[in-house]
Amino acid sequence: MKNLNEQKDVESTKEWINQTLKEMHRKMVELFGVDFTYFRDVKILGQPEIVKQLTQRIRNGLEEDGVVYTDIQWIQICEILSKSQETGFFEYFAFYNPKDEVLYVNGKMMADYPEKIISVCAHELSEKLLSRYLSSYLGAPKQALVKMLVEAKKANNAEKLYDLLDDEYRDTVFLTVFKEGCCEAIGFHTLRNMGYEIEAASMDEDLQSGHSKCIKLLFEIDIGNRSQRGVSKVRTRLHSENSAAPAADEEKLVEEALGGYQKIKGVSYYLGYPLAKAVLEKYGIKGIKFVLEEQPLLEAEYFANPQAYLTRLEKPISVIE
């Protein structure tokens, strides 16, 4: 009887989520003028199954890109990914799979963080909007990083690995943070225009508070000075020894890069929200599209001071007005 009641509760919650998201979907289409499809289904899963689904999605995406690993290699990659997970990262977590158009929601969130359900689901719906609106979408940046870093390591191309950590890694992280912030900003704007004033105000307060606590991460974790110092130090040794870097050093660099990315990814919606909200309020959805597609220079300082970025953006963004 207890299991039956729990199943009824899950089905009831699933139906509520579904109906609420359908209302959000209609409002987003109306507000932003973007005609995008709704989810084919909503599934509520336990935490182990959520992690399994997300990991399999990464592997499928890599294989579609022509990157195929042996089972042993994939186990090693999964170990790196699992080591880099932040404690509690999946506890209020949802994601949708573009391949099957299904929204996966962690059942633990419903039990422990019911107040998070609306904002988390609004985020995923916003991500679906962006995936249809942008001509080149950052759908799986973590997948791209895994591919870049592991391929460079497999090829024993130390110089390429360090170049990736210098350039693509940093750019991917900043663009990911901005994209996640965009989803939060679109969700906030939608909730506020649906009459969810209390939920929207709570969401904004939580995001702004989280931003002030986490913003230093963009200046400290494997980006900018710390990353550059590490790369320069290894390169100096490479030239002085005139030999390839030891495999252990490359392994450590890959693990640190993925670990640093995961730590930032876990709070990226906090980090990117104020800047994305400022761009959305001043330039609308077209401004979001411009930044994500044209990729104007994103620096840690702009996430800390959105107004400085708006000033910098005035001239290049004038082409869309």
C-alpha atoms as a PDB file:
ATOM      1  CA  MET A   1       0.000   0.000   0.000  1.00  0.00           C
ATOM      2  CA  LYS A   2       2.892   2.359   0.797  1.00  0.00           C
ATOM      3  CA  ASN A   3       4.496   1.685  -2.602  1.00  0.00           C
ATOM      4  CA  LEU A   4       1.134   2.194  -4.300  1.00  0.00           C
ATOM      5  CA  ASN A   5       0.637   5.539  -2.567  1.00  0.00           C
ATOM      6  CA  GLU A   6       4.170   6.616  -3.487  1.00  0.00           C
ATOM      7  CA  GLN A   7       3.516   5.695  -7.115  1.00  0.00           C
ATOM      8  CA  LYS A   8       0.308   7.724  -7.089  1.00  0.00           C
ATOM      9  CA  ASP A   9       2.213  10.675  -5.634  1.00  0.00           C
ATOM     10  CA  VAL A  10       4.827  10.407  -8.383  1.00  0.00           C
ATOM     11  CA  GLU A  11       2.179  10.249 -11.101  1.00  0.00           C
ATOM     12  CA  SER A  12       0.296  13.171  -9.577  1.00  0.00           C
ATOM     13  CA  THR A  13       3.468  15.266  -9.367  1.00  0.00           C
ATOM     14  CA  LYS A  14       4.431  14.303 -12.909  1.00  0.00           C
ATOM     15  CA  GLU A  15       1.033  15.477 -14.185  1.00  0.00           C
ATOM     16  CA  TRP A  16       1.367  18.754 -12.278  1.00  0.00           C
ATOM     17  CA  ILE A  17       4.849  19.339 -13.695  1.00  0.00           C
ATOM     18  CA  ASN A  18       3.599  18.520 -17.177  1.00  0.00           C
ATOM     19  CA  GLN A  19       0.649  20.921 -17.024  1.00  0.00           C
ATOM     20  CA  THR A  20       2.737  23.717 -15.490  1.00  0.00           C
ATOM     21  CA  LEU A  21       5.435  23.305 -18.146  1.00  0.00           C
ATOM     22  CA  LYS A  22       2.844  23.385 -20.925  1.00  0.00           C
ATOM     23  CA  GLU A  23       1.628  26.737 -19.601  1.00  0.00           C
ATOM     24  CA  MET A  24       5.233  27.972 -19.480  1.00  0.00           C
ATOM     25  CA  HIS A  25       5.797  26.746 -23.019  1.00  0.00           C
ATOM     26  CA  ARG A  26       2.840  28.737 -24.336  1.00  0.00           C
ATOM     27  CA  LYS A  27       4.008  31.853 -22.466  1.00  0.00           C
ATOM     28  CA  MET A  28       7.601  31.536 -23.757  1.00  0.00           C
ATOM     29  CA  VAL A  29       6.399  31.266 -27.350  1.00  0.00           C
ATOM     30  CA  GLU A  30       4.281  34.365 -26.790  1.00  0.00           C
ATOM     31  CA  LEU A  31       6.960  36.403 -24.985  1.00  0.00           C
ATOM     32  CA  PHE A  32       9.965  35.619 -27.160  1.00  0.00           C
ATOM     33  CA  GLY A  33       8.362  34.877 -30.513  1.00  0.00           C
ATOM     34  CA  VAL A  34      10.199  31.567 -30.801  1.00  0.00           C
ATOM     35  CA  ASP A  35       8.100  28.635 -32.019  1.00  0.00           C
ATOM     36  CA  PHE A  36       9.610  25.517 -30.472  1.00  0.00           C
ATOM     37  CA  THR A  37       8.188  22.104 -29.632  1.00  0.00           C
ATOM     38  CA  TYR A  38       7.231  20.859 -26.188  1.00  0.00           C
ATOM     39  CA  PHE A  39       8.723  17.754 -24.555  1.00  0.00           C
ATOM     40  CA  ARG A  40       7.466  14.402 -25.797  1.00  0.00           C
ATOM     41  CA  ASP A  41       7.386  13.069 -22.240  1.00  0.00           C
ATOM     42  CA  VAL A  42       8.416  13.806 -18.646  1.00  0.00           C
ATOM     43  CA  LYS A  43      10.087  11.034 -16.627  1.00  0.00           C
ATOM     44  CA  ILE A  44      10.833  11.089 -12.906  1.00  0.00           C
ATOM     45  CA  LEU A  45      13.821   8.906 -12.013  1.00  0.00           C
ATOM     46  CA  GLY A  46      15.952   8.025  -9.019  1.00  0.00           C
ATOM     47  CA  GLN A  47      19.395   9.588  -8.699  1.00  0.00           C
ATOM     48  CA  PRO A  48      21.437   6.552  -9.906  1.00  0.00           C
ATOM     49  CA  GLU A  49      19.315   6.305 -13.043  1.00  0.00           C
ATOM     50  CA  ILE A  50      19.637  10.068 -13.668  1.00  0.00           C
ATOM     51  CA  VAL A  51      23.451   9.790 -13.555  1.00  0.00           C
ATOM     52  CA  LYS A  52      23.342   6.732 -15.818  1.00  0.00           C
ATOM     53  CA  GLN A  53      21.121   8.467 -18.379  1.00  0.00           C
ATOM     54  CA  LEU A  54      23.319  11.564 -18.486  1.00  0.00           C
ATOM     55  CA  THR A  55      26.540   9.552 -18.801  1.00  0.00           C
ATOM     56  CA  GLN A  56      25.078   7.487 -21.628  1.00  0.00           C
ATOM     57  CA  ARG A  57      24.011  10.679 -23.380  1.00  0.00           C
ATOM     58  CA  ILE A  58      27.624  11.897 -23.337  1.00  0.00           C
ATOM     59  CA  ARG A  59      28.879   8.581 -24.720  1.00  0.00           C
ATOM     60  CA  ASN A  60      26.258   8.507 -27.488  1.00  0.00           C
ATOM     61  CA  GLY A  61      27.139  12.051 -28.474  1.00  0.00           C
ATOM     62  CA  LEU A  62      30.840  11.232 -28.648  1.00  0.00           C
ATOM     63  CA  GLU A  63      30.175   8.184 -30.813  1.00  0.00           C
ATOM     64  CA  GLU A  64      28.019  10.260 -33.153  1.00  0.00           C
ATOM     65  CA  ASP A  65      30.997  12.568 -33.541  1.00  0.00           C
ATOM     66  CA  GLY A  66      33.049   9.556 -34.618  1.00  0.00           C
ATOM     67  CA  VAL A  67      34.850   9.166 -31.288  1.00  0.00           C
ATOM     68  CA  VAL A  68      34.607   5.543 -30.192  1.00  0.00           C
ATOM     69  CA  TYR A  69      36.343   4.202 -27.091  1.00  0.00           C
ATOM     70  CA  THR A  70      36.937   0.667 -25.897  1.00  0.00           C
ATOM     71  CA  ASP A  71      35.070  -0.406 -22.770  1.00  0.00           C
ATOM     72  CA  ILE A  72      38.266  -0.019 -20.735  1.00  0.00           C
ATOM     73  CA  GLN A  73      38.836   3.509 -22.054  1.00  0.00           C
ATOM     74  CA  TRP A  74      35.214   4.432 -21.358  1.00  0.00           C
ATOM     75  CA  ILE A  75      35.470   3.129 -17.790  1.00  0.00           C
ATOM     76  CA  GLN A  76      38.493   5.392 -17.320  1.00  0.00           C
ATOM     77  CA  ILE A  77      36.570   8.377 -18.711  1.00  0.00           C
ATOM     78  CA  CYS A  78      33.605   7.632 -16.424  1.00  0.00           C
ATOM     79  CA  GLU A  79      35.964   7.503 -13.450  1.00  0.00           C
ATOM     80  CA  ILE A  80      37.298  10.946 -14.346  1.00  0.00           C
ATOM     81  CA  LEU A  81      33.753  12.275 -14.702  1.00  0.00           C
ATOM     82  CA  SER A  82      32.553  10.737 -11.446  1.00  0.00           C
ATOM     83  CA  LYS A  83      35.560  12.091  -9.539  1.00  0.00           C
ATOM     84  CA  SER A  84      34.772  15.577 -10.809  1.00  0.00           C
ATOM     85  CA  GLN A  85      31.140  15.604  -9.638  1.00  0.00           C
ATOM     86  CA  GLU A  86      30.352  18.150  -6.984  1.00  0.00           C
ATOM     87  CA  THR A  87      28.693  16.752  -3.863  1.00  0.00           C
ATOM     88  CA  GLY A  88      24.934  17.155  -4.245  1.00  0.00           C
ATOM     89  CA  PHE A  89      25.180  18.310  -7.862  1.00  0.00           C
ATOM     90  CA  PHE A  90      22.427  15.923  -9.004  1.00  0.00           C
ATOM     91  CA  GLU A  91      20.143  16.445  -6.021  1.00  0.00           C
ATOM     92  CA  TYR A  92      18.041  19.097  -7.728  1.00  0.00           C
ATOM     93  CA  PHE A  93      18.790  18.197 -11.244  1.00  0.00           C
ATOM     94  CA  ALA A  94      16.851  17.749 -14.470  1.00  0.00           C
ATOM     95  CA  PHE A  95      17.890  17.535 -18.093  1.00  0.00           C
ATOM     96  CA  TYR A  96      16.263  16.847 -21.402  1.00  0.00           C
ATOM     97  CA  ASN A  97      17.616  14.589 -24.110  1.00  0.00           C
ATOM     98  CA  PRO A  98      17.266  16.131 -27.589  1.00  0.00           C
ATOM     99  CA  LYS A  99      17.329  12.653 -29.124  1.00  0.00           C
ATOM    100  CA  ASP A 100      14.159  11.381 -27.494  1.00  0.00           C
ATOM    101  CA  GLU A 101      12.673  14.786 -26.514  1.00  0.00           C
ATOM    102  CA  VAL A 102      12.199  13.556 -22.944  1.00  0.00           C
ATOM    103  CA  LEU A 103      12.634  15.668 -19.807  1.00  0.00           C
ATOM    104  CA  TYR A 104      14.285  13.659 -17.017  1.00  0.00           C
ATOM    105  CA  VAL A 105      13.670  14.906 -13.464  1.00  0.00           C
ATOM    106  CA  ASN A 106      15.381  13.658 -10.316  1.00  0.00           C
ATOM    107  CA  GLY A 107      12.748  12.293  -7.928  1.00  0.00           C
ATOM    108  CA  LYS A 108      14.919  13.253  -4.962  1.00  0.00           C
ATOM    109  CA  MET A 109      14.401  16.898  -5.827  1.00  0.00           C
ATOM    110  CA  MET A 110      10.632  16.513  -5.484  1.00  0.00           C
ATOM    111  CA  ALA A 111      11.007  15.021  -2.019  1.00  0.00           C
ATOM    112  CA  ASP A 112      13.763  17.252  -0.647  1.00  0.00           C
ATOM    113  CA  TYR A 113      13.516  20.490  -2.658  1.00  0.00           C
ATOM    114  CA  PRO A 114       9.895  20.889  -3.865  1.00  0.00           C
ATOM    115  CA  GLU A 115      10.369  24.650  -4.085  1.00  0.00           C
ATOM    116  CA  LYS A 116      13.006  24.081  -6.782  1.00  0.00           C
ATOM    117  CA  ILE A 117      10.745  22.183  -9.182  1.00  0.00           C
ATOM    118  CA  ILE A 118       9.236  25.156 -11.037  1.00  0.00           C
ATOM    119  CA  SER A 119      12.521  27.039 -11.524  1.00  0.00           C
ATOM    120  CA  VAL A 120      14.512  23.924 -12.498  1.00  0.00           C
ATOM    121  CA  CYS A 121      11.899  22.841 -15.057  1.00  0.00           C
ATOM    122  CA  ALA A 122      11.663  26.397 -16.389  1.00  0.00           C
ATOM    123  CA  HIS A 123      15.430  26.253 -16.943  1.00  0.00           C
ATOM    124  CA  GLU A 124      15.143  23.077 -19.039  1.00  0.00           C
ATOM    125  CA  LEU A 125      12.301  24.515 -21.092  1.00  0.00           C
ATOM    126  CA  SER A 126      14.402  27.637 -21.673  1.00  0.00           C
ATOM    127  CA  GLU A 127      17.269  25.445 -22.836  1.00  0.00           C
ATOM    128  CA  LYS A 128      14.941  23.758 -25.301  1.00  0.00           C
ATOM    129  CA  LEU A 129      13.906  27.185 -26.611  1.00  0.00           C
ATOM    130  CA  LEU A 130      17.545  28.153 -27.133  1.00  0.00           C
ATOM    131  CA  SER A 131      18.348  24.883 -28.892  1.00  0.00           C
ATOM    132  CA  ARG A 132      15.682  25.688 -31.490  1.00  0.00           C
ATOM    133  CA  TYR A 133      16.438  29.400 -31.735  1.00  0.00           C
ATOM    134  CA  LEU A 134      20.214  29.382 -32.197  1.00  0.00           C
ATOM    135  CA  SER A 135      21.782  28.283 -35.465  1.00  0.00           C
ATOM    136  CA  SER A 136      24.765  26.791 -33.625  1.00  0.00           C
ATOM    137  CA  TYR A 137      23.821  25.610 -30.167  1.00  0.00           C
ATOM    138  CA  LEU A 138      26.079  24.767 -27.229  1.00  0.00           C
ATOM    139  CA  GLY A 139      24.134  21.621 -26.456  1.00  0.00           C
ATOM    140  CA  ALA A 140      26.827  19.564 -24.756  1.00  0.00           C
ATOM    141  CA  PRO A 141      29.947  21.601 -23.912  1.00  0.00           C
ATOM    142  CA  LYS A 142      31.097  19.030 -21.390  1.00  0.00           C
ATOM    143  CA  GLN A 143      30.942  16.417 -24.124  1.00  0.00           C
ATOM    144  CA  ALA A 144      33.057  18.683 -26.335  1.00  0.00           C
ATOM    145  CA  LEU A 145      35.614  19.161 -23.558  1.00  0.00           C
ATOM    146  CA  VAL A 146      35.847  15.437 -22.902  1.00  0.00           C
ATOM    147  CA  LYS A 147      36.407  14.874 -26.602  1.00  0.00           C
ATOM    148  CA  MET A 148      39.071  17.572 -26.943  1.00  0.00           C
ATOM    149  CA  LEU A 149      41.032  16.700 -23.834  1.00  0.00           C
ATOM    150  CA  VAL A 150      40.902  12.920 -24.085  1.00  0.00           C
ATOM    151  CA  GLU A 151      41.686  12.905 -27.813  1.00  0.00           C
ATOM    152  CA  ALA A 152      44.733  15.098 -27.242  1.00  0.00           C
ATOM    153  CA  LYS A 153      45.850  12.780 -24.454  1.00  0.00           C
ATOM    154  CA  LYS A 154      45.268   9.647 -26.553  1.00  0.00           C
ATOM    155  CA  ALA A 155      47.368  11.089 -29.367  1.00  0.00           C
ATOM    156  CA  ASN A 156      50.176  11.848 -26.889  1.00  0.00           C
ATOM    157  CA  ASN A 157      50.134  15.372 -28.249  1.00  0.00           C
ATOM    158  CA  ALA A 158      51.204  17.327 -25.204  1.00  0.00           C
ATOM    159  CA  GLU A 159      51.504  20.638 -27.051  1.00  0.00           C
ATOM    160  CA  LYS A 160      47.940  20.328 -28.368  1.00  0.00           C
ATOM    161  CA  LEU A 161      46.699  19.474 -24.900  1.00  0.00           C
ATOM    162  CA  TYR A 162      48.236  22.612 -23.422  1.00  0.00           C
ATOM    163  CA  ASP A 163      46.877  24.744 -26.271  1.00  0.00           C
ATOM    164  CA  LEU A 164      43.393  23.419 -25.523  1.00  0.00           C
ATOM    165  CA  LEU A 165      43.770  24.319 -21.873  1.00  0.00           C
ATOM    166  CA  ASP A 166      44.938  27.790 -22.882  1.00  0.00           C
ATOM    167  CA  ASP A 167      42.204  28.625 -25.385  1.00  0.00           C
ATOM    168  CA  GLU A 168      39.249  26.323 -26.083  1.00  0.00           C
ATOM    169  CA  TYR A 169      38.865  25.256 -22.458  1.00  0.00           C
ATOM    170  CA  ARG A 170      38.637  28.786 -21.161  1.00  0.00           C
ATOM    171  CA  ASP A 171      36.307  29.983 -23.929  1.00  0.00           C
ATOM    172  CA  THR A 172      34.058  26.946 -23.536  1.00  0.00           C
ATOM    173  CA  VAL A 173      33.748  27.476 -19.793  1.00  0.00           C
ATOM    174  CA  PHE A 174      32.818  31.155 -20.067  1.00  0.00           C
ATOM    175  CA  LEU A 175      30.343  30.543 -22.882  1.00  0.00           C
ATOM    176  CA  THR A 176      28.795  27.663 -20.918  1.00  0.00           C
ATOM    177  CA  VAL A 177      28.383  29.856 -17.861  1.00  0.00           C
ATOM    178  CA  PHE A 178      26.688  32.556 -19.939  1.00  0.00           C
ATOM    179  CA  LYS A 179      24.388  30.007 -21.626  1.00  0.00           C
ATOM    180  CA  GLU A 180      23.291  28.555 -18.281  1.00  0.00           C
ATOM    181  CA  GLY A 181      22.656  32.073 -17.016  1.00  0.00           C
ATOM    182  CA  CYS A 182      20.527  32.748 -20.105  1.00  0.00           C
ATOM    183  CA  CYS A 183      18.292  29.779 -19.282  1.00  0.00           C
ATOM    184  CA  GLU A 184      17.786  31.152 -15.765  1.00  0.00           C
ATOM    185  CA  ALA A 185      17.088  34.668 -17.068  1.00  0.00           C
ATOM    186  CA  ILE A 186      14.534  33.405 -19.631  1.00  0.00           C
ATOM    187  CA  GLY A 187      12.890  31.255 -16.948  1.00  0.00           C
ATOM    188  CA  PHE A 188      12.735  34.183 -14.508  1.00  0.00           C
ATOM    189  CA  HIS A 189      11.239  36.491 -17.131  1.00  0.00           C
ATOM    190  CA  THR A 190       8.643  33.860 -18.018  1.00  0.00           C
ATOM    191  CA  LEU A 191       7.591  33.150 -14.433  1.00  0.00           C
ATOM    192  CA  ARG A 192       7.244  36.831 -13.676  1.00  0.00           C
ATOM    193  CA  ASN A 193       4.989  37.299 -16.706  1.00  0.00           C
ATOM    194  CA  MET A 194       2.859  34.294 -15.728  1.00  0.00           C
ATOM    195  CA  GLY A 195       1.949  35.780 -12.364  1.00  0.00           C
ATOM    196  CA  TYR A 196       4.392  33.652 -10.355  1.00  0.00           C
ATOM    197  CA  GLU A 197       5.579  36.757  -8.539  1.00  0.00           C
ATOM    198  CA  ILE A 198       6.578  35.014  -5.307  1.00  0.00           C
ATOM    199  CA  GLU A 199       8.419  32.210  -7.114  1.00  0.00           C
ATOM    200  CA  ALA A 200      10.140  34.671  -9.465  1.00  0.00           C
ATOM    201  CA  ALA A 201      11.234  36.931  -6.586  1.00  0.00           C
ATOM    202  CA  SER A 202      12.557  33.943  -4.628  1.00  0.00           C
ATOM    203  CA  MET A 203      14.373  32.678  -7.717  1.00  0.00           C
ATOM    204  CA  ASP A 204      15.989  36.065  -8.364  1.00  0.00           C
ATOM    205  CA  GLU A 205      17.058  36.448  -4.733  1.00  0.00           C
ATOM    206  CA  ASP A 206      18.542  32.949  -4.655  1.00  0.00           C
ATOM    207  CA  LEU A 207      20.458  33.461  -7.903  1.00  0.00           C
ATOM    208  CA  GLN A 208      21.815  36.873  -6.932  1.00  0.00           C
ATOM    209  CA  SER A 209      22.891  35.565  -3.518  1.00  0.00           C
ATOM    210  CA  GLY A 210      24.551  32.524  -5.086  1.00  0.00           C
ATOM    211  CA  HIS A 211      26.321  34.742  -7.599  1.00  0.00           C
ATOM    212  CA  SER A 212      27.941  36.864  -4.896  1.00  0.00           C
ATOM    213  CA  LYS A 213      29.176  33.701  -3.141  1.00  0.00           C
ATOM    214  CA  CYS A 214      30.513  31.939  -6.249  1.00  0.00           C
ATOM    215  CA  ILE A 215      31.826  34.644  -8.582  1.00  0.00           C
ATOM    216  CA  LYS A 216      35.437  34.212  -7.414  1.00  0.00           C
ATOM    217  CA  LEU A 217      35.441  30.755  -9.003  1.00  0.00           C
ATOM    218  CA  LEU A 218      35.686  32.299 -12.460  1.00  0.00           C
ATOM    219  CA  PHE A 219      38.876  34.051 -11.408  1.00  0.00           C
ATOM    220  CA  GLU A 220      40.417  31.151  -9.503  1.00  0.00           C
ATOM    221  CA  ILE A 221      39.608  27.684 -10.911  1.00  0.00           C
ATOM    222  CA  ASP A 222      41.742  26.485 -13.815  1.00  0.00           C
ATOM    223  CA  ILE A 223      40.999  29.640 -15.770  1.00  0.00           C
ATOM    224  CA  GLY A 224      43.114  32.699 -16.339  1.00  0.00           C
ATOM    225  CA  ASN A 225      46.141  33.135 -14.118  1.00  0.00           C
ATOM    226  CA  ARG A 226      46.196  29.758 -12.386  1.00  0.00           C
ATOM    227  CA  SER A 227      45.684  27.814 -15.602  1.00  0.00           C
ATOM    228  CA  GLN A 228      48.198  29.970 -17.460  1.00  0.00           C
ATOM    229  CA  ARG A 229      50.832  29.570 -14.762  1.00  0.00           C
ATOM    230  CA  GLY A 230      50.420  25.789 -14.816  1.00  0.00           C
ATOM    231  CA  VAL A 231      50.660  25.602 -18.606  1.00  0.00           C
ATOM    232  CA  SER A 232      53.673  27.914 -18.743  1.00  0.00           C
ATOM    233  CA  LYS A 233      55.452  25.915 -16.056  1.00  0.00           C
ATOM    234  CA  VAL A 234      54.986  22.639 -17.956  1.00  0.00           C
ATOM    235  CA  ARG A 235      55.988  24.218 -21.271  1.00  0.00           C
ATOM    236  CA  THR A 236      59.174  25.612 -19.720  1.00  0.00           C
ATOM    237  CA  ARG A 237      60.116  22.169 -18.512  1.00  0.00           C
ATOM    238  CA  LEU A 238      59.271  20.681 -21.902  1.00  0.00           C
ATOM    239  CA  HIS A 239      61.619  23.012 -23.726  1.00  0.00           C
ATOM    240  CA  SER A 240      64.399  22.637 -21.182  1.00  0.00           C
ATOM    241  CA  GLU A 241      64.224  18.843 -21.275  1.00  0.00           C
ATOM    242  CA  ASN A 242      63.458  18.699 -25.002  1.00  0.00           C
ATOM    243  CA  SER A 243      61.098  15.778 -24.397  1.00  0.00           C
ATOM    244  CA  ALA A 244      57.394  15.010 -24.102  1.00  0.00           C
ATOM    245  CA  ALA A 245      55.688  15.581 -20.769  1.00  0.00           C
ATOM    246  CA  PRO A 246      55.268  12.502 -18.596  1.00  0.00           C
ATOM    247  CA  ALA A 247      51.926  10.772 -19.012  1.00  0.00           C
ATOM    248  CA  ALA A 248      51.187  11.398 -15.329  1.00  0.00           C
ATOM    249  CA  ASP A 249      51.354  15.167 -15.898  1.00  0.00           C
ATOM    250  CA  GLU A 250      48.953  14.928 -18.850  1.00  0.00           C
ATOM    251  CA  GLU A 251      46.562  12.759 -16.835  1.00  0.00           C
ATOM    252  CA  LYS A 252      46.627  15.267 -14.007  1.00  0.00           C
ATOM    253  CA  LEU A 253      45.954  18.175 -16.368  1.00  0.00           C
ATOM    254  CA  VAL A 254      42.950  16.398 -17.905  1.00  0.00           C
ATOM    255  CA  GLU A 255      41.515  15.482 -14.511  1.00  0.00           C
ATOM    256  CA  GLU A 256      42.010  19.000 -13.155  1.00  0.00           C
ATOM    257  CA  ALA A 257      40.484  20.556 -16.249  1.00  0.00           C
ATOM    258  CA  LEU A 258      37.369  18.365 -16.092  1.00  0.00           C
ATOM    259  CA  GLY A 259      37.174  18.737 -12.327  1.00  0.00           C
ATOM    260  CA  GLY A 260      37.426  22.514 -12.539  1.00  0.00           C
ATOM    261  CA  TYR A 261      34.810  22.617 -15.293  1.00  0.00           C
ATOM    262  CA  GLN A 262      32.425  20.424 -13.312  1.00  0.00           C
ATOM    263  CA  LYS A 263      32.787  22.569 -10.227  1.00  0.00           C
ATOM    264  CA  ILE A 264      31.942  25.680 -12.224  1.00  0.00           C
ATOM    265  CA  LYS A 265      29.172  23.893 -14.143  1.00  0.00           C
ATOM    266  CA  GLY A 266      27.498  23.031 -10.845  1.00  0.00           C
ATOM    267  CA  VAL A 267      27.034  26.728 -10.038  1.00  0.00           C
ATOM    268  CA  SER A 268      27.086  28.161 -13.571  1.00  0.00           C
ATOM    269  CA  TYR A 269      23.471  29.314 -13.407  1.00  0.00           C
ATOM    270  CA  TYR A 270      24.432  31.498 -10.424  1.00  0.00           C
ATOM    271  CA  LEU A 271      27.555  32.789 -12.142  1.00  0.00           C
ATOM    272  CA  GLY A 272      25.917  33.623 -15.468  1.00  0.00           C
ATOM    273  CA  TYR A 273      22.519  34.875 -14.338  1.00  0.00           C
ATOM    274  CA  PRO A 274      23.144  38.598 -13.620  1.00  0.00           C
ATOM    275  CA  LEU A 275      25.005  39.117 -16.904  1.00  0.00           C
ATOM    276  CA  ALA A 276      22.481  37.157 -18.974  1.00  0.00           C
ATOM    277  CA  LYS A 277      19.577  38.944 -17.272  1.00  0.00           C
ATOM    278  CA  ALA A 278      21.146  42.322 -18.057  1.00  0.00           C
ATOM    279  CA  VAL A 279      21.621  41.392 -21.744  1.00  0.00           C
ATOM    280  CA  LEU A 280      18.068  40.004 -21.997  1.00  0.00           C
ATOM    281  CA  GLU A 281      16.494  43.077 -20.403  1.00  0.00           C
ATOM    282  CA  LYS A 282      18.372  45.514 -22.627  1.00  0.00           C
ATOM    283  CA  TYR A 283      18.529  43.664 -25.944  1.00  0.00           C
ATOM    284  CA  GLY A 284      15.905  40.917 -25.667  1.00  0.00           C
ATOM    285  CA  ILE A 285      16.260  37.399 -27.011  1.00  0.00           C
ATOM    286  CA  LYS A 286      18.134  38.779 -30.039  1.00  0.00           C
ATOM    287  CA  GLY A 287      20.863  39.998 -27.719  1.00  0.00           C
ATOM    288  CA  ILE A 288      21.177  36.554 -26.175  1.00  0.00           C
ATOM    289  CA  LYS A 289      21.395  35.043 -29.664  1.00  0.00           C
ATOM    290  CA  PHE A 290      24.079  37.517 -30.694  1.00  0.00           C
ATOM    291  CA  VAL A 291      26.341  36.831 -27.711  1.00  0.00           C
ATOM    292  CA  LEU A 292      26.021  33.030 -27.943  1.00  0.00           C
ATOM    293  CA  GLU A 293      26.495  32.846 -31.715  1.00  0.00           C
ATOM    294  CA  GLU A 294      28.963  35.648 -32.355  1.00  0.00           C
ATOM    295  CA  GLN A 295      30.776  34.986 -29.084  1.00  0.00           C
ATOM    296  CA  PRO A 296      31.957  38.512 -28.241  1.00  0.00           C
ATOM    297  CA  LEU A 297      34.770  38.469 -25.718  1.00  0.00           C
ATOM    298  CA  LEU A 298      33.581  37.101 -22.367  1.00  0.00           C
ATOM    299  CA  GLU A 299      35.812  37.748 -19.380  1.00  0.00           C
ATOM    300  CA  ALA A 300      35.434  36.947 -15.698  1.00  0.00           C
ATOM    301  CA  GLU A 301      35.232  40.667 -14.956  1.00  0.00           C
ATOM    302  CA  TYR A 302      32.074  41.004 -17.061  1.00  0.00           C
ATOM    303  CA  PHE A 303      30.276  38.342 -15.036  1.00  0.00           C
ATOM    304  CA  ALA A 304      31.170  40.346 -11.938  1.00  0.00           C
ATOM    305  CA  ASN A 305      30.193  43.674 -13.540  1.00  0.00           C
ATOM    306  CA  PRO A 306      27.406  43.205 -16.155  1.00  0.00           C
ATOM    307  CA  GLN A 307      27.140  46.937 -16.844  1.00  0.00           C
ATOM    308  CA  ALA A 308      30.715  47.003 -18.131  1.00  0.00           C
ATOM    309  CA  TYR A 309      29.814  44.271 -20.622  1.00  0.00           C
ATOM    310  CA  LEU A 310      26.665  46.084 -21.761  1.00  0.00           C
ATOM    311  CA  THR A 311      28.817  49.141 -22.481  1.00  0.00           C
ATOM    312  CA  ARG A 312      31.312  47.042 -24.426  1.00  0.00           C
ATOM    313  CA  LEU A 313      28.480  45.335 -26.314  1.00  0.00           C
ATOM    314  CA  GLU A 314      26.801  48.518 -27.535  1.00  0.00           C
ATOM    315  CA  LYS A 315      28.825  48.920 -30.712  1.00  0.00           C
ATOM    316  CA  PRO A 316      29.002  45.316 -32.026  1.00  0.00           C
ATOM    317  CA  ILE A 317      25.376  44.547 -31.174  1.00  0.00           C
ATOM    318  CA  SER A 318      24.149  47.584 -33.108  1.00  0.00           C
ATOM    319  CA  VAL A 319      24.256  45.434 -36.249  1.00  0.00           C
ATOM    320  CA  ILE A 320      21.135  43.551 -35.127  1.00  0.00           C
ATOM    321  CA  GLU A 321      19.060  46.644 -34.352  1.00  0.00           C
END
